[in-house]
């Protein structure tokens, strides 16, 4: 089954395990003769990388992209692009005592039931490290729509909330309200010390998306965005526009403001900015296991670039589909 590939005209396949030799991605459908900048790709990867803060996993990975194919003289060839990221800082021994333990909330039990075998080191294929490949794909997808901007930020982290609009400097927690950064840091350090974890919400604002994107009935833009988000580990919900508030409003009230629909009507982008919210649960690694290993008490700050990448992939894929009509 091809559950490791996402997209149709712009598609990518991810591979690798958390404690294997490398993570990787093969991107197919990237137009030719597009200029690329590996330094900018590296900057995107650094936003997701572990070990950049005392409140995250202490695993130190350089996340240096190694291009195997599809690029020549800093331009895309139109052929499949293959890139790997070597794993250099695995502590597989941390997981030996849990080799026969099926951790609640993880893919341990379900992986065994499905495949009859699992890589217990760091979660194997189900590890959050898989998302490094998504960030790479998102960088290339963004080159297809250079005028579009995807801005993501944390609007809730555990008990901390903000209604402030995002600024250029979101700080280490990708959280717009600078006055709460110190309290957030203390809170997350306490979670890490006590082996606890928290979840929260990421807001998405897509500026200048093309109109006409989306393929009813089953490949509506909202449907593919939802699948893209829910496919990210620990994601438990997605909505767009005013989302849950729709159920509170009667039809006359709901339709008074076009912005309520978040840039998508009938499953097709209308050209307005697109607004979404994505919800993540608390990481399942808690207690003694969290205290002894290298784990994030909250994945939200590091998952922001992953959410942005998946948005870019979905819109780039639908843009190429729309161009095919024309």
C-alpha atoms as a PDB file:
ATOM      1  CA  UNK A   1       0.000   0.000   0.000  1.00  0.00           C
ATOM      2  CA  UNK A   2       1.255   3.487  -0.857  1.00  0.00           C
ATOM      3  CA  UNK A   3       0.601   5.185   2.458  1.00  0.00           C
ATOM      4  CA  UNK A   4       3.944   6.971   2.370  1.00  0.00           C
ATOM      5  CA  UNK A   5       3.139   9.170  -0.635  1.00  0.00           C
ATOM      6  CA  UNK A   6       1.106  12.391  -0.618  1.00  0.00           C
ATOM      7  CA  UNK A   7      -0.202  14.449  -3.551  1.00  0.00           C
ATOM      8  CA  UNK A   8      -1.040  13.830  -7.206  1.00  0.00           C
ATOM      9  CA  UNK A   9       0.625  16.212  -9.671  1.00  0.00           C
ATOM     10  CA  UNK A  10       3.032  17.438  -7.002  1.00  0.00           C
ATOM     11  CA  UNK A  11       3.739  14.394  -4.872  1.00  0.00           C
ATOM     12  CA  UNK A  12       6.352  13.312  -2.398  1.00  0.00           C
ATOM     13  CA  UNK A  13       7.273  10.048  -0.723  1.00  0.00           C
ATOM     14  CA  UNK A  14       9.028  10.031   2.645  1.00  0.00           C
ATOM     15  CA  UNK A  15      11.221   7.236   3.971  1.00  0.00           C
ATOM     16  CA  UNK A  16      13.481   6.378   6.892  1.00  0.00           C
ATOM     17  CA  UNK A  17      13.257   5.590  10.597  1.00  0.00           C
ATOM     18  CA  UNK A  18      14.134   7.831  13.526  1.00  0.00           C
ATOM     19  CA  UNK A  19      17.195   5.780  14.503  1.00  0.00           C
ATOM     20  CA  UNK A  20      18.072   4.462  11.054  1.00  0.00           C
ATOM     21  CA  UNK A  21      20.917   5.807   8.878  1.00  0.00           C
ATOM     22  CA  UNK A  22      18.893   8.657   7.366  1.00  0.00           C
ATOM     23  CA  UNK A  23      15.528  10.262   6.706  1.00  0.00           C
ATOM     24  CA  UNK A  24      14.636  11.044   3.120  1.00  0.00           C
ATOM     25  CA  UNK A  25      12.146  12.287   0.571  1.00  0.00           C
ATOM     26  CA  UNK A  26      11.561  11.800  -3.137  1.00  0.00           C
ATOM     27  CA  UNK A  27       9.655  14.666  -4.773  1.00  0.00           C
ATOM     28  CA  UNK A  28       7.956  14.065  -8.116  1.00  0.00           C
ATOM     29  CA  UNK A  29       6.203  16.647 -10.276  1.00  0.00           C
ATOM     30  CA  UNK A  30       8.432  19.600  -9.493  1.00  0.00           C
ATOM     31  CA  UNK A  31       8.591  21.870 -12.578  1.00  0.00           C
ATOM     32  CA  UNK A  32      11.946  22.227 -14.293  1.00  0.00           C
ATOM     33  CA  UNK A  33      14.307  25.200 -14.373  1.00  0.00           C
ATOM     34  CA  UNK A  34      13.224  26.540 -10.974  1.00  0.00           C
ATOM     35  CA  UNK A  35      16.068  28.156  -9.046  1.00  0.00           C
ATOM     36  CA  UNK A  36      16.674  26.714  -5.603  1.00  0.00           C
ATOM     37  CA  UNK A  37      18.695  27.891  -2.601  1.00  0.00           C
ATOM     38  CA  UNK A  38      19.892  25.154  -0.262  1.00  0.00           C
ATOM     39  CA  UNK A  39      20.737  27.767   2.382  1.00  0.00           C
ATOM     40  CA  UNK A  40      17.064  28.759   2.547  1.00  0.00           C
ATOM     41  CA  UNK A  41      16.059  25.103   2.729  1.00  0.00           C
ATOM     42  CA  UNK A  42      18.484  24.694   5.621  1.00  0.00           C
ATOM     43  CA  UNK A  43      16.830  27.639   7.416  1.00  0.00           C
ATOM     44  CA  UNK A  44      13.440  25.937   7.087  1.00  0.00           C
ATOM     45  CA  UNK A  45      14.874  22.742   8.525  1.00  0.00           C
ATOM     46  CA  UNK A  46      16.383  24.623  11.456  1.00  0.00           C
ATOM     47  CA  UNK A  47      12.929  25.852  12.480  1.00  0.00           C
ATOM     48  CA  UNK A  48      11.891  22.234  13.029  1.00  0.00           C
ATOM     49  CA  UNK A  49      15.186  20.864  14.343  1.00  0.00           C
ATOM     50  CA  UNK A  50      15.540  19.439  17.862  1.00  0.00           C
ATOM     51  CA  UNK A  51      17.988  20.616  20.502  1.00  0.00           C
ATOM     52  CA  UNK A  52      17.593  24.340  19.839  1.00  0.00           C
ATOM     53  CA  UNK A  53      15.987  25.084  23.223  1.00  0.00           C
ATOM     54  CA  UNK A  54      16.115  23.715  26.770  1.00  0.00           C
ATOM     55  CA  UNK A  55      12.349  23.138  26.519  1.00  0.00           C
ATOM     56  CA  UNK A  56      12.651  20.679  23.593  1.00  0.00           C
ATOM     57  CA  UNK A  57      14.290  17.330  23.001  1.00  0.00           C
ATOM     58  CA  UNK A  58      18.050  17.515  23.595  1.00  0.00           C
ATOM     59  CA  UNK A  59      18.764  15.432  20.497  1.00  0.00           C
ATOM     60  CA  UNK A  60      21.289  17.392  18.418  1.00  0.00           C
ATOM     61  CA  UNK A  61      20.974  16.846  14.683  1.00  0.00           C
ATOM     62  CA  UNK A  62      22.659  19.063  12.039  1.00  0.00           C
ATOM     63  CA  UNK A  63      19.867  18.256   9.553  1.00  0.00           C
ATOM     64  CA  UNK A  64      22.083  18.945   6.562  1.00  0.00           C
ATOM     65  CA  UNK A  65      20.240  18.212   3.276  1.00  0.00           C
ATOM     66  CA  UNK A  66      22.135  15.941   0.894  1.00  0.00           C
ATOM     67  CA  UNK A  67      20.833  16.154  -2.688  1.00  0.00           C
ATOM     68  CA  UNK A  68      20.970  12.870  -4.586  1.00  0.00           C
ATOM     69  CA  UNK A  69      19.104  13.773  -7.761  1.00  0.00           C
ATOM     70  CA  UNK A  70      16.865  16.232  -9.600  1.00  0.00           C
ATOM     71  CA  UNK A  71      18.991  19.379  -9.173  1.00  0.00           C
ATOM     72  CA  UNK A  72      21.836  20.689 -11.331  1.00  0.00           C
ATOM     73  CA  UNK A  73      23.619  24.010 -10.962  1.00  0.00           C
ATOM     74  CA  UNK A  74      21.034  25.104  -8.368  1.00  0.00           C
ATOM     75  CA  UNK A  75      18.082  24.543 -10.695  1.00  0.00           C
ATOM     76  CA  UNK A  76      15.468  21.806 -10.816  1.00  0.00           C
ATOM     77  CA  UNK A  77      15.704  19.385 -13.739  1.00  0.00           C
ATOM     78  CA  UNK A  78      12.054  18.350 -13.806  1.00  0.00           C
ATOM     79  CA  UNK A  79      13.091  14.849 -12.760  1.00  0.00           C
ATOM     80  CA  UNK A  80      12.461  13.309  -9.320  1.00  0.00           C
ATOM     81  CA  UNK A  81      14.279  15.164  -6.556  1.00  0.00           C
ATOM     82  CA  UNK A  82      15.787  12.880  -3.908  1.00  0.00           C
ATOM     83  CA  UNK A  83      17.181  14.338  -0.695  1.00  0.00           C
ATOM     84  CA  UNK A  84      18.327  12.662   2.504  1.00  0.00           C
ATOM     85  CA  UNK A  85      19.069  13.915   6.009  1.00  0.00           C
ATOM     86  CA  UNK A  86      21.532  11.753   7.907  1.00  0.00           C
ATOM     87  CA  UNK A  87      20.735  10.726  11.488  1.00  0.00           C
ATOM     88  CA  UNK A  88      23.867  11.435  13.507  1.00  0.00           C
ATOM     89  CA  UNK A  89      22.789  11.706  17.145  1.00  0.00           C
ATOM     90  CA  UNK A  90      20.713   8.647  17.990  1.00  0.00           C
ATOM     91  CA  UNK A  91      20.683   7.292  21.554  1.00  0.00           C
ATOM     92  CA  UNK A  92      19.044   3.972  20.763  1.00  0.00           C
ATOM     93  CA  UNK A  93      20.046   2.525  24.144  1.00  0.00           C
ATOM     94  CA  UNK A  94      17.437   4.788  25.760  1.00  0.00           C
ATOM     95  CA  UNK A  95      14.771   2.532  24.276  1.00  0.00           C
ATOM     96  CA  UNK A  96      16.208  -0.924  25.046  1.00  0.00           C
ATOM     97  CA  UNK A  97      14.388  -1.329  28.371  1.00  0.00           C
ATOM     98  CA  UNK A  98      11.130  -0.534  26.564  1.00  0.00           C
ATOM     99  CA  UNK A  99      11.739  -2.960  23.697  1.00  0.00           C
ATOM    100  CA  UNK A 100       8.885  -5.213  24.806  1.00  0.00           C
ATOM    101  CA  UNK A 101       6.735  -2.408  26.187  1.00  0.00           C
ATOM    102  CA  UNK A 102       3.851  -1.161  24.044  1.00  0.00           C
ATOM    103  CA  UNK A 103       3.507   2.498  24.985  1.00  0.00           C
ATOM    104  CA  UNK A 104      -0.043   3.908  25.280  1.00  0.00           C
ATOM    105  CA  UNK A 105      -0.884   6.589  22.698  1.00  0.00           C
ATOM    106  CA  UNK A 106       1.975   5.584  20.396  1.00  0.00           C
ATOM    107  CA  UNK A 107       1.904   3.446  17.266  1.00  0.00           C
ATOM    108  CA  UNK A 108       3.684   0.579  19.061  1.00  0.00           C
ATOM    109  CA  UNK A 109       0.752  -1.812  19.443  1.00  0.00           C
ATOM    110  CA  UNK A 110      -0.967  -0.932  16.178  1.00  0.00           C
ATOM    111  CA  UNK A 111       2.274  -1.262  14.205  1.00  0.00           C
ATOM    112  CA  UNK A 112       2.800  -4.787  15.565  1.00  0.00           C
ATOM    113  CA  UNK A 113      -0.809  -5.707  14.822  1.00  0.00           C
ATOM    114  CA  UNK A 114      -0.504  -4.384  11.273  1.00  0.00           C
ATOM    115  CA  UNK A 115       3.015  -5.478  10.246  1.00  0.00           C
ATOM    116  CA  UNK A 116       3.953  -8.103  12.830  1.00  0.00           C
ATOM    117  CA  UNK A 117       7.202  -6.256  13.542  1.00  0.00           C
ATOM    118  CA  UNK A 118       8.328  -2.814  14.697  1.00  0.00           C
ATOM    119  CA  UNK A 119      11.449  -0.727  15.134  1.00  0.00           C
ATOM    120  CA  UNK A 120      11.227   0.202  18.821  1.00  0.00           C
ATOM    121  CA  UNK A 121      14.075   2.733  18.638  1.00  0.00           C
ATOM    122  CA  UNK A 122      12.541   6.168  19.000  1.00  0.00           C
ATOM    123  CA  UNK A 123       9.265   5.088  17.473  1.00  0.00           C
ATOM    124  CA  UNK A 124      10.829   4.076  14.160  1.00  0.00           C
ATOM    125  CA  UNK A 125       8.730   5.232  11.235  1.00  0.00           C
ATOM    126  CA  UNK A 126       6.081   6.729  13.543  1.00  0.00           C
ATOM    127  CA  UNK A 127       8.572   9.160  15.076  1.00  0.00           C
ATOM    128  CA  UNK A 128       8.121  12.891  14.701  1.00  0.00           C
ATOM    129  CA  UNK A 129      11.480  12.866  12.936  1.00  0.00           C
ATOM    130  CA  UNK A 130       9.598  11.786   9.803  1.00  0.00           C
ATOM    131  CA  UNK A 131       8.400  15.376   9.487  1.00  0.00           C
ATOM    132  CA  UNK A 132      11.859  16.576   8.415  1.00  0.00           C
ATOM    133  CA  UNK A 133      11.030  15.107   4.990  1.00  0.00           C
ATOM    134  CA  UNK A 134       7.767  17.070   4.863  1.00  0.00           C
ATOM    135  CA  UNK A 135       9.596  20.341   5.508  1.00  0.00           C
ATOM    136  CA  UNK A 136      11.877  19.610   2.550  1.00  0.00           C
ATOM    137  CA  UNK A 137       8.870  18.933   0.303  1.00  0.00           C
ATOM    138  CA  UNK A 138       7.226  22.131   1.556  1.00  0.00           C
ATOM    139  CA  UNK A 139      10.244  24.220   0.583  1.00  0.00           C
ATOM    140  CA  UNK A 140      10.025  23.035  -3.026  1.00  0.00           C
ATOM    141  CA  UNK A 141       6.230  23.389  -3.103  1.00  0.00           C
ATOM    142  CA  UNK A 142       6.611  27.001  -1.992  1.00  0.00           C
ATOM    143  CA  UNK A 143       8.745  27.730  -5.053  1.00  0.00           C
ATOM    144  CA  UNK A 144       5.803  26.843  -7.290  1.00  0.00           C
ATOM    145  CA  UNK A 145       3.697  29.616  -5.707  1.00  0.00           C
ATOM    146  CA  UNK A 146       6.259  32.322  -4.806  1.00  0.00           C
ATOM    147  CA  UNK A 147       3.641  35.064  -4.310  1.00  0.00           C
ATOM    148  CA  UNK A 148       1.754  33.019  -1.737  1.00  0.00           C
ATOM    149  CA  UNK A 149       2.732  33.335   1.936  1.00  0.00           C
ATOM    150  CA  UNK A 150       1.923  30.750   4.588  1.00  0.00           C
ATOM    151  CA  UNK A 151       2.107  32.194   8.095  1.00  0.00           C
ATOM    152  CA  UNK A 152       1.647  29.831  11.042  1.00  0.00           C
ATOM    153  CA  UNK A 153       1.906  30.481  14.768  1.00  0.00           C
ATOM    154  CA  UNK A 154       0.931  28.975  18.107  1.00  0.00           C
ATOM    155  CA  UNK A 155      -2.237  30.572  19.476  1.00  0.00           C
ATOM    156  CA  UNK A 156      -2.558  28.212  22.457  1.00  0.00           C
ATOM    157  CA  UNK A 157       0.108  26.217  24.281  1.00  0.00           C
ATOM    158  CA  UNK A 158      -1.230  24.349  27.290  1.00  0.00           C
ATOM    159  CA  UNK A 159      -2.911  26.991  29.508  1.00  0.00           C
ATOM    160  CA  UNK A 160      -1.389  29.916  27.590  1.00  0.00           C
ATOM    161  CA  UNK A 161      -3.562  31.636  24.967  1.00  0.00           C
ATOM    162  CA  UNK A 162      -3.298  34.731  22.791  1.00  0.00           C
ATOM    163  CA  UNK A 163      -5.476  36.661  20.364  1.00  0.00           C
ATOM    164  CA  UNK A 164      -2.577  38.830  19.223  1.00  0.00           C
ATOM    165  CA  UNK A 165      -1.793  38.956  15.529  1.00  0.00           C
ATOM    166  CA  UNK A 166       1.503  37.273  14.641  1.00  0.00           C
ATOM    167  CA  UNK A 167       4.629  39.395  14.327  1.00  0.00           C
ATOM    168  CA  UNK A 168       7.892  38.729  12.547  1.00  0.00           C
ATOM    169  CA  UNK A 169       9.583  37.585  15.767  1.00  0.00           C
ATOM    170  CA  UNK A 170       7.500  34.837  17.326  1.00  0.00           C
ATOM    171  CA  UNK A 171      10.253  33.797  19.706  1.00  0.00           C
ATOM    172  CA  UNK A 172      11.295  30.256  20.652  1.00  0.00           C
ATOM    173  CA  UNK A 173       7.694  29.124  21.132  1.00  0.00           C
ATOM    174  CA  UNK A 174       6.264  30.562  17.884  1.00  0.00           C
ATOM    175  CA  UNK A 175       3.879  32.478  20.156  1.00  0.00           C
ATOM    176  CA  UNK A 176       2.970  36.117  19.326  1.00  0.00           C
ATOM    177  CA  UNK A 177       2.560  37.384  22.910  1.00  0.00           C
ATOM    178  CA  UNK A 178       6.099  38.147  24.065  1.00  0.00           C
ATOM    179  CA  UNK A 179       4.868  39.009  27.579  1.00  0.00           C
ATOM    180  CA  UNK A 180       4.090  35.308  28.145  1.00  0.00           C
ATOM    181  CA  UNK A 181       7.357  33.818  26.842  1.00  0.00           C
ATOM    182  CA  UNK A 182       9.083  33.690  30.237  1.00  0.00           C
ATOM    183  CA  UNK A 183       6.100  31.989  31.872  1.00  0.00           C
ATOM    184  CA  UNK A 184       5.826  29.511  28.989  1.00  0.00           C
ATOM    185  CA  UNK A 185       9.498  28.588  29.305  1.00  0.00           C
ATOM    186  CA  UNK A 186       9.176  27.966  33.045  1.00  0.00           C
ATOM    187  CA  UNK A 187       6.007  25.949  32.487  1.00  0.00           C
ATOM    188  CA  UNK A 188       7.593  23.713  29.820  1.00  0.00           C
ATOM    189  CA  UNK A 189      10.756  23.188  31.873  1.00  0.00           C
ATOM    190  CA  UNK A 190       8.566  22.073  34.776  1.00  0.00           C
ATOM    191  CA  UNK A 191       6.726  19.692  32.433  1.00  0.00           C
ATOM    192  CA  UNK A 192      10.055  18.280  31.259  1.00  0.00           C
ATOM    193  CA  UNK A 193      11.330  17.822  34.813  1.00  0.00           C
ATOM    194  CA  UNK A 194       8.119  16.149  35.941  1.00  0.00           C
ATOM    195  CA  UNK A 195       7.697  14.000  32.849  1.00  0.00           C
ATOM    196  CA  UNK A 196       4.499  15.690  31.732  1.00  0.00           C
ATOM    197  CA  UNK A 197       3.367  17.159  28.397  1.00  0.00           C
ATOM    198  CA  UNK A 198       0.804  19.529  26.854  1.00  0.00           C
ATOM    199  CA  UNK A 199      -0.885  20.249  23.532  1.00  0.00           C
ATOM    200  CA  UNK A 200      -2.481  23.289  21.930  1.00  0.00           C
ATOM    201  CA  UNK A 201      -3.490  25.079  18.740  1.00  0.00           C
ATOM    202  CA  UNK A 202      -1.693  26.380  15.649  1.00  0.00           C
ATOM    203  CA  UNK A 203      -3.302  29.114  13.554  1.00  0.00           C
ATOM    204  CA  UNK A 204      -2.709  29.274   9.805  1.00  0.00           C
ATOM    205  CA  UNK A 205      -3.024  32.341   7.565  1.00  0.00           C
ATOM    206  CA  UNK A 206      -2.394  31.752   3.859  1.00  0.00           C
ATOM    207  CA  UNK A 207      -1.952  35.046   1.998  1.00  0.00           C
ATOM    208  CA  UNK A 208      -2.465  35.450  -1.757  1.00  0.00           C
ATOM    209  CA  UNK A 209      -3.656  31.929  -2.582  1.00  0.00           C
ATOM    210  CA  UNK A 210      -4.826  31.422  -6.186  1.00  0.00           C
ATOM    211  CA  UNK A 211      -8.573  31.178  -6.763  1.00  0.00           C
ATOM    212  CA  UNK A 212     -10.133  28.060  -8.222  1.00  0.00           C
ATOM    213  CA  UNK A 213      -8.106  25.470  -6.322  1.00  0.00           C
ATOM    214  CA  UNK A 214      -9.939  22.327  -5.251  1.00  0.00           C
ATOM    215  CA  UNK A 215     -11.410  19.278  -7.011  1.00  0.00           C
ATOM    216  CA  UNK A 216     -14.966  18.431  -5.903  1.00  0.00           C
ATOM    217  CA  UNK A 217     -16.339  16.106  -4.903  1.00  0.00           C
ATOM    218  CA  UNK A 218     -13.696  14.103  -3.041  1.00  0.00           C
ATOM    219  CA  UNK A 219     -10.573  16.234  -3.491  1.00  0.00           C
ATOM    220  CA  UNK A 220     -11.997  19.505  -2.221  1.00  0.00           C
ATOM    221  CA  UNK A 221      -9.326  21.912  -1.031  1.00  0.00           C
ATOM    222  CA  UNK A 222     -10.658  21.746   2.534  1.00  0.00           C
ATOM    223  CA  UNK A 223     -10.602  17.945   2.401  1.00  0.00           C
ATOM    224  CA  UNK A 224      -6.986  17.737   1.250  1.00  0.00           C
ATOM    225  CA  UNK A 225      -5.887  20.364   3.775  1.00  0.00           C
ATOM    226  CA  UNK A 226      -7.628  18.377   6.496  1.00  0.00           C
ATOM    227  CA  UNK A 227      -5.920  15.142   5.427  1.00  0.00           C
ATOM    228  CA  UNK A 228      -2.548  16.876   5.236  1.00  0.00           C
ATOM    229  CA  UNK A 229      -2.881  18.193   8.791  1.00  0.00           C
ATOM    230  CA  UNK A 230      -4.361  15.068  10.363  1.00  0.00           C
ATOM    231  CA  UNK A 231      -1.532  13.008   8.821  1.00  0.00           C
ATOM    232  CA  UNK A 232       0.939  14.862  11.077  1.00  0.00           C
ATOM    233  CA  UNK A 233       1.653  12.901  14.248  1.00  0.00           C
ATOM    234  CA  UNK A 234      -0.360  14.027  17.324  1.00  0.00           C
ATOM    235  CA  UNK A 235      -2.710  16.188  15.225  1.00  0.00           C
ATOM    236  CA  UNK A 236      -6.280  15.665  16.447  1.00  0.00           C
ATOM    237  CA  UNK A 237      -8.295  18.306  14.616  1.00  0.00           C
ATOM    238  CA  UNK A 238      -8.552  20.743  11.722  1.00  0.00           C
ATOM    239  CA  UNK A 239     -11.008  23.455  10.821  1.00  0.00           C
ATOM    240  CA  UNK A 240     -11.124  26.509   8.553  1.00  0.00           C
ATOM    241  CA  UNK A 241     -12.883  29.858   8.518  1.00  0.00           C
ATOM    242  CA  UNK A 242     -14.787  30.344  11.772  1.00  0.00           C
ATOM    243  CA  UNK A 243     -14.803  26.579  12.214  1.00  0.00           C
ATOM    244  CA  UNK A 244     -16.685  25.402  15.293  1.00  0.00           C
ATOM    245  CA  UNK A 245     -18.505  28.707  15.570  1.00  0.00           C
ATOM    246  CA  UNK A 246     -20.530  27.777  12.483  1.00  0.00           C
ATOM    247  CA  UNK A 247     -22.613  25.377  14.577  1.00  0.00           C
ATOM    248  CA  UNK A 248     -23.658  28.278  16.824  1.00  0.00           C
ATOM    249  CA  UNK A 249     -24.906  30.527  14.009  1.00  0.00           C
ATOM    250  CA  UNK A 250     -28.058  30.479  11.924  1.00  0.00           C
ATOM    251  CA  UNK A 251     -27.685  30.634   8.168  1.00  0.00           C
ATOM    252  CA  UNK A 252     -28.516  34.324   7.801  1.00  0.00           C
ATOM    253  CA  UNK A 253     -25.893  35.294  10.359  1.00  0.00           C
ATOM    254  CA  UNK A 254     -23.226  32.915   9.067  1.00  0.00           C
ATOM    255  CA  UNK A 255     -23.457  34.236   5.508  1.00  0.00           C
ATOM    256  CA  UNK A 256     -23.263  37.944   6.353  1.00  0.00           C
ATOM    257  CA  UNK A 257     -19.460  37.902   6.293  1.00  0.00           C
ATOM    258  CA  UNK A 258     -17.577  36.277   3.441  1.00  0.00           C
ATOM    259  CA  UNK A 259     -14.517  35.993   5.677  1.00  0.00           C
ATOM    260  CA  UNK A 260     -16.405  33.459   7.808  1.00  0.00           C
ATOM    261  CA  UNK A 261     -15.709  30.861   5.116  1.00  0.00           C
ATOM    262  CA  UNK A 262     -11.951  31.274   5.422  1.00  0.00           C
ATOM    263  CA  UNK A 263     -11.225  31.635   1.713  1.00  0.00           C
ATOM    264  CA  UNK A 264     -12.878  28.335   0.725  1.00  0.00           C
ATOM    265  CA  UNK A 265     -16.408  27.990  -0.639  1.00  0.00           C
ATOM    266  CA  UNK A 266     -17.819  24.744  -1.992  1.00  0.00           C
ATOM    267  CA  UNK A 267     -14.435  23.156  -1.418  1.00  0.00           C
ATOM    268  CA  UNK A 268     -12.762  25.611  -3.851  1.00  0.00           C
ATOM    269  CA  UNK A 269     -10.532  28.579  -3.001  1.00  0.00           C
ATOM    270  CA  UNK A 270     -12.236  31.908  -3.751  1.00  0.00           C
ATOM    271  CA  UNK A 271      -9.025  33.980  -3.893  1.00  0.00           C
ATOM    272  CA  UNK A 272      -9.403  35.443  -0.395  1.00  0.00           C
ATOM    273  CA  UNK A 273      -6.856  34.698   2.288  1.00  0.00           C
ATOM    274  CA  UNK A 274      -7.311  31.244   3.786  1.00  0.00           C
ATOM    275  CA  UNK A 275      -7.619  30.850   7.563  1.00  0.00           C
ATOM    276  CA  UNK A 276      -7.284  27.520   9.372  1.00  0.00           C
ATOM    277  CA  UNK A 277      -6.755  26.123  12.851  1.00  0.00           C
ATOM    278  CA  UNK A 278      -4.969  22.884  13.689  1.00  0.00           C
ATOM    279  CA  UNK A 279      -5.110  21.160  17.084  1.00  0.00           C
ATOM    280  CA  UNK A 280      -2.442  18.941  18.610  1.00  0.00           C
ATOM    281  CA  UNK A 281      -2.664  16.723  21.647  1.00  0.00           C
ATOM    282  CA  UNK A 282      -0.022  16.400  24.332  1.00  0.00           C
ATOM    283  CA  UNK A 283       2.845  14.002  23.486  1.00  0.00           C
ATOM    284  CA  UNK A 284       2.233  10.490  24.825  1.00  0.00           C
ATOM    285  CA  UNK A 285       5.746   9.976  26.199  1.00  0.00           C
ATOM    286  CA  UNK A 286       5.327  10.910  29.864  1.00  0.00           C
ATOM    287  CA  UNK A 287       6.478   9.894  33.341  1.00  0.00           C
ATOM    288  CA  UNK A 288       9.767   8.060  33.843  1.00  0.00           C
ATOM    289  CA  UNK A 289      10.135   7.338  30.126  1.00  0.00           C
ATOM    290  CA  UNK A 290      10.058  11.056  29.319  1.00  0.00           C
ATOM    291  CA  UNK A 291      12.471  11.886  32.126  1.00  0.00           C
ATOM    292  CA  UNK A 292      15.020   9.268  31.080  1.00  0.00           C
ATOM    293  CA  UNK A 293      14.899   9.867  27.314  1.00  0.00           C
ATOM    294  CA  UNK A 294      15.051  12.875  25.001  1.00  0.00           C
ATOM    295  CA  UNK A 295      11.520  14.035  24.374  1.00  0.00           C
ATOM    296  CA  UNK A 296       9.533  17.229  23.807  1.00  0.00           C
ATOM    297  CA  UNK A 297       7.039  18.210  26.526  1.00  0.00           C
ATOM    298  CA  UNK A 298       5.184  20.076  23.755  1.00  0.00           C
ATOM    299  CA  UNK A 299       5.650  19.632  20.006  1.00  0.00           C
ATOM    300  CA  UNK A 300       3.826  22.807  18.950  1.00  0.00           C
ATOM    301  CA  UNK A 301       6.830  25.144  18.421  1.00  0.00           C
ATOM    302  CA  UNK A 302       8.628  22.553  16.294  1.00  0.00           C
ATOM    303  CA  UNK A 303       5.546  21.461  14.354  1.00  0.00           C
ATOM    304  CA  UNK A 304       4.735  24.988  13.089  1.00  0.00           C
ATOM    305  CA  UNK A 305       7.059  24.666  10.039  1.00  0.00           C
ATOM    306  CA  UNK A 306       5.588  21.215   9.345  1.00  0.00           C
ATOM    307  CA  UNK A 307       2.052  22.633   9.222  1.00  0.00           C
ATOM    308  CA  UNK A 308       3.268  25.404   6.902  1.00  0.00           C
ATOM    309  CA  UNK A 309       5.009  22.862   4.667  1.00  0.00           C
ATOM    310  CA  UNK A 310       1.916  20.685   4.313  1.00  0.00           C
ATOM    311  CA  UNK A 311      -0.178  23.754   3.408  1.00  0.00           C
ATOM    312  CA  UNK A 312       2.293  24.639   0.654  1.00  0.00           C
ATOM    313  CA  UNK A 313       2.279  21.077  -0.670  1.00  0.00           C
ATOM    314  CA  UNK A 314      -1.526  20.948  -0.877  1.00  0.00           C
ATOM    315  CA  UNK A 315      -1.864  24.291  -2.642  1.00  0.00           C
ATOM    316  CA  UNK A 316       1.017  23.619  -5.034  1.00  0.00           C
ATOM    317  CA  UNK A 317      -0.506  20.265  -5.959  1.00  0.00           C
ATOM    318  CA  UNK A 318      -3.924  21.812  -6.603  1.00  0.00           C
ATOM    319  CA  UNK A 319      -2.357  24.705  -8.507  1.00  0.00           C
ATOM    320  CA  UNK A 320      -0.683  22.279 -10.915  1.00  0.00           C
ATOM    321  CA  UNK A 321      -3.991  20.419 -11.309  1.00  0.00           C
ATOM    322  CA  UNK A 322      -5.769  23.675 -12.101  1.00  0.00           C
ATOM    323  CA  UNK A 323      -3.095  24.609 -14.642  1.00  0.00           C
ATOM    324  CA  UNK A 324      -3.629  21.258 -16.317  1.00  0.00           C
ATOM    325  CA  UNK A 325      -7.200  22.346 -17.165  1.00  0.00           C
ATOM    326  CA  UNK A 326      -5.906  25.484 -18.805  1.00  0.00           C
END
